[in-house]
């Protein structure tokens, strides 16, 4: 086992994990207008044929406009609720922003009051199909921040390996030099 090769590999791993860590920090901050289209329901129906489908709108900045459209459904067969939620979950964390049982295709826009994520529940009776369109300005890479802790561990681990193999490779080089010198002395003695 050549520790010089392991040292180079640890250096490559350190550079790669550092790049991933930088991406984990920078990409979720970059935001652009997004348009998401969902066809529902996305859950299995209950025994009465109803479903509750939950949709997640990633963290948006304060005073940002979110537009939600519900189309292609049987009038009165779906209920829509829009509410603030915690980052990464569809669970409500505040009072609903909007609740309605639409009778025709619906488009609703609202301005956010805080920098936070939002959730949308659509209750569908008799497994009624619908199309949900959400337009907002958020990061398309919001999910990358889930891997920040893994990237930090990878940077730390590769730095430790690089430190270890740096010293180990120095010792190995000196040992190889001593072995070569001993062989040369032995060859001269013959």
Protein backbone atom coordinates (compact mmCIF):
# COMPACT_ATOMS: atom_id res chain seq x y z
CA UNK A 1 0.00 0.00 0.00
CA UNK A 2 1.53 3.24 -1.17
CA UNK A 3 0.52 6.11 1.16
CA UNK A 4 1.50 8.70 -1.46
CA UNK A 5 -1.33 7.46 -3.67
CA UNK A 6 -3.73 7.51 -0.72
CA UNK A 7 -2.62 11.08 0.04
CA UNK A 8 -3.49 12.13 -3.54
CA UNK A 9 -6.82 10.36 -3.32
CA UNK A 10 -7.59 12.09 0.01
CA UNK A 11 -6.72 15.44 -1.61
CA UNK A 12 -9.09 14.77 -4.51
CA UNK A 13 -11.81 13.73 -2.05
CA UNK A 14 -11.22 16.92 0.00
CA UNK A 15 -11.54 19.13 -3.07
CA UNK A 16 -14.67 17.31 -4.25
CA UNK A 17 -16.38 17.38 -0.84
CA UNK A 18 -15.47 21.08 -0.43
CA UNK A 19 -17.08 21.81 -3.80
CA UNK A 20 -20.22 19.94 -2.73
CA UNK A 21 -20.31 21.88 0.55
CA UNK A 22 -20.02 25.19 -1.32
CA UNK A 23 -22.84 24.10 -3.64
CA UNK A 24 -24.96 23.13 -0.61
CA UNK A 25 -24.51 26.64 0.76
CA UNK A 26 -24.81 28.67 -2.45
CA UNK A 27 -27.45 26.90 -4.57
CA UNK A 28 -30.41 27.15 -2.14
CA UNK A 29 -29.85 30.92 -1.90
CA UNK A 30 -30.18 31.41 -5.66
CA UNK A 31 -33.87 31.96 -6.49
CA UNK A 32 -35.71 32.33 -9.77
CA UNK A 33 -39.33 32.24 -10.96
CA UNK A 34 -40.59 28.65 -10.99
CA UNK A 35 -43.73 27.03 -12.35
CA UNK A 36 -44.74 23.63 -11.01
CA UNK A 37 -47.60 21.60 -12.50
CA UNK A 38 -49.12 18.70 -10.57
CA UNK A 39 -51.85 16.30 -11.66
CA UNK A 40 -53.74 14.83 -8.76
CA UNK A 41 -54.83 13.25 -6.66
CA UNK A 42 -51.45 11.88 -5.64
CA UNK A 43 -52.60 9.67 -2.76
CA UNK A 44 -54.68 6.49 -2.60
CA UNK A 45 -58.39 7.01 -2.02
CA UNK A 46 -60.01 6.27 1.30
CA UNK A 47 -62.93 3.83 1.50
CA UNK A 48 -65.36 6.63 0.57
CA UNK A 49 -63.29 7.56 -2.52
CA UNK A 50 -61.90 10.80 -1.08
CA UNK A 51 -58.24 11.79 -1.03
CA UNK A 52 -56.14 14.48 0.56
CA UNK A 53 -53.16 15.50 -1.55
CA UNK A 54 -50.44 17.68 -0.06
CA UNK A 55 -48.13 19.90 -2.12
CA UNK A 56 -45.08 21.81 -0.95
CA UNK A 57 -44.01 25.31 -2.01
CA UNK A 58 -40.34 25.81 -1.01
CA UNK A 59 -39.26 28.80 1.06
CA UNK A 60 -40.14 32.09 -0.62
CA UNK A 61 -38.99 35.56 0.41
CA UNK A 62 -41.17 38.08 2.22
CA UNK A 63 -43.45 40.14 -0.08
CA UNK A 64 -43.25 37.58 -2.88
CA UNK A 65 -46.34 36.78 -4.92
CA UNK A 66 -47.48 33.16 -5.13
CA UNK A 67 -50.08 32.23 -7.74
CA UNK A 68 -52.02 28.99 -7.38
CA UNK A 69 -54.35 27.66 -10.08
CA UNK A 70 -56.67 24.66 -9.86
CA UNK A 71 -58.12 23.43 -13.15
CA UNK A 72 -59.82 20.45 -14.78
CA UNK A 73 -62.01 19.21 -11.91
CA UNK A 74 -65.67 18.47 -11.26
CA UNK A 75 -67.29 21.64 -9.83
CA UNK A 76 -67.64 21.46 -6.06
CA UNK A 77 -65.71 18.18 -5.81
CA UNK A 78 -62.43 19.61 -4.49
CA UNK A 79 -61.50 21.79 -1.52
CA UNK A 80 -58.28 23.79 -1.56
CA UNK A 81 -56.41 25.11 1.47
CA UNK A 82 -53.18 27.15 1.32
CA UNK A 83 -51.24 27.66 4.54
CA UNK A 84 -47.78 28.51 5.88
CA UNK A 85 -45.64 25.48 6.72
CA UNK A 86 -42.23 24.60 8.07
CA UNK A 87 -39.28 24.14 5.73
CA UNK A 88 -39.29 20.63 4.29
CA UNK A 89 -42.78 19.61 5.38
CA UNK A 90 -46.36 20.09 4.22
CA UNK A 91 -47.72 20.22 7.78
CA UNK A 92 -49.52 23.50 8.60
CA UNK A 93 -47.74 25.90 10.93
CA UNK A 94 -50.14 28.79 10.92
CA UNK A 95 -53.63 29.91 9.97
CA UNK A 96 -54.67 29.22 6.39
CA UNK A 97 -54.10 31.95 3.84
CA UNK A 98 -56.89 30.64 1.61
CA UNK A 99 -59.66 28.05 1.89
CA UNK A 100 -62.30 27.45 -0.75
CA UNK A 101 -64.48 24.90 -2.53
CA UNK A 102 -64.29 26.18 -6.11
CA UNK A 103 -67.18 25.78 -8.53
CA UNK A 104 -65.07 26.56 -11.60
CA UNK A 105 -61.38 26.84 -12.57
CA UNK A 106 -59.67 28.96 -9.97
CA UNK A 107 -56.59 31.18 -9.88
CA UNK A 108 -55.59 32.76 -6.58
CA UNK A 109 -52.60 35.06 -5.93
CA UNK A 110 -51.35 36.28 -2.59
CA UNK A 111 -48.34 38.15 -1.25
CA UNK A 112 -46.35 36.41 1.45
CA UNK A 113 -46.09 38.04 4.86
CA UNK A 114 -42.84 36.31 5.90
CA UNK A 115 -39.94 34.37 4.45
CA UNK A 116 -41.21 30.80 4.76
CA UNK A 117 -42.46 27.73 2.97
CA UNK A 118 -46.10 27.10 2.14
CA UNK A 119 -48.24 24.02 1.83
CA UNK A 120 -51.32 23.26 -0.20
CA UNK A 121 -53.89 20.61 0.67
CA UNK A 122 -56.47 19.57 -1.90
CA UNK A 123 -59.29 17.41 -0.64
CA UNK A 124 -60.83 15.50 -3.53
CA UNK A 125 -64.22 13.81 -3.30
CA UNK A 126 -64.92 10.63 -5.31
CA UNK A 127 -61.30 10.52 -6.44
CA UNK A 128 -61.88 13.62 -8.61
CA UNK A 129 -58.93 14.46 -10.82
CA UNK A 130 -57.48 18.00 -10.90
CA UNK A 131 -54.51 19.99 -12.19
CA UNK A 132 -52.63 22.25 -9.78
CA UNK A 133 -50.27 24.94 -11.06
CA UNK A 134 -48.05 26.83 -8.60
CA UNK A 135 -46.03 29.86 -9.69
CA UNK A 136 -43.58 31.45 -7.25
CA UNK A 137 -40.00 32.66 -6.96
CA UNK A 138 -37.92 30.11 -5.07
CA UNK A 139 -34.75 28.09 -5.44
CA UNK A 140 -35.04 25.09 -7.75
CA UNK A 141 -32.27 23.57 -5.60
CA UNK A 142 -34.07 23.89 -2.25
CA UNK A 143 -33.56 20.14 -1.61
CA UNK A 144 -29.74 20.44 -1.75
CA UNK A 145 -29.57 21.86 1.79
CA UNK A 146 -30.63 18.43 3.09
CA UNK A 147 -27.12 17.18 2.32
CA UNK A 148 -25.14 19.93 4.09
CA UNK A 149 -24.39 17.81 7.15
CA UNK A 150 -23.13 14.97 4.94
CA UNK A 151 -20.90 17.41 3.04
CA UNK A 152 -19.47 18.81 6.30
CA UNK A 153 -18.71 15.27 7.51
CA UNK A 154 -17.06 14.46 4.15
CA UNK A 155 -14.88 17.59 4.30
CA UNK A 156 -13.84 16.82 7.86
CA UNK A 157 -13.17 13.14 7.11
CA UNK A 158 -11.14 13.87 3.98
CA UNK A 159 -9.13 16.54 5.83
CA UNK A 160 -8.28 14.02 8.55
CA UNK A 161 -7.29 11.43 5.93
CA UNK A 162 -5.15 13.97 4.09
CA UNK A 163 -3.42 14.95 7.33
CA UNK A 164 -2.78 11.30 8.22
CA UNK A 165 -1.51 10.27 4.81
CA UNK A 166 0.70 13.37 4.50
CA UNK A 167 2.72 12.28 7.52
CA UNK A 168 2.48 8.59 6.66
CA UNK A 169 3.71 9.23 3.10
CA UNK A 170 6.74 11.18 4.38
CA UNK A 171 7.69 8.27 6.59
CA UNK A 172 7.11 5.79 3.77
CA UNK A 173 9.34 7.81 1.39
CA UNK A 174 12.11 7.87 4.01
CA UNK A 175 11.74 4.11 4.58
CA UNK A 176 11.97 3.43 0.85
CA UNK A 177 15.06 5.61 0.61
CA UNK A 178 16.67 3.77 3.54
CA UNK A 179 15.85 0.39 1.94
CA UNK A 180 17.42 1.49 -1.36
CA UNK A 181 20.55 2.77 0.43
CA UNK A 182 20.82 -0.48 2.39
CA UNK A 183 20.57 -2.50 -0.84
CA UNK A 184 23.26 -0.34 -2.45
CA UNK A 185 25.57 -0.86 0.55
CA UNK A 186 24.91 -4.60 0.41
CA UNK A 187 25.64 -4.69 -3.32
CA UNK A 188 28.91 -2.78 -2.79
CA UNK A 189 29.98 -5.24 -0.10
CA UNK A 190 29.86 -8.16 -2.51
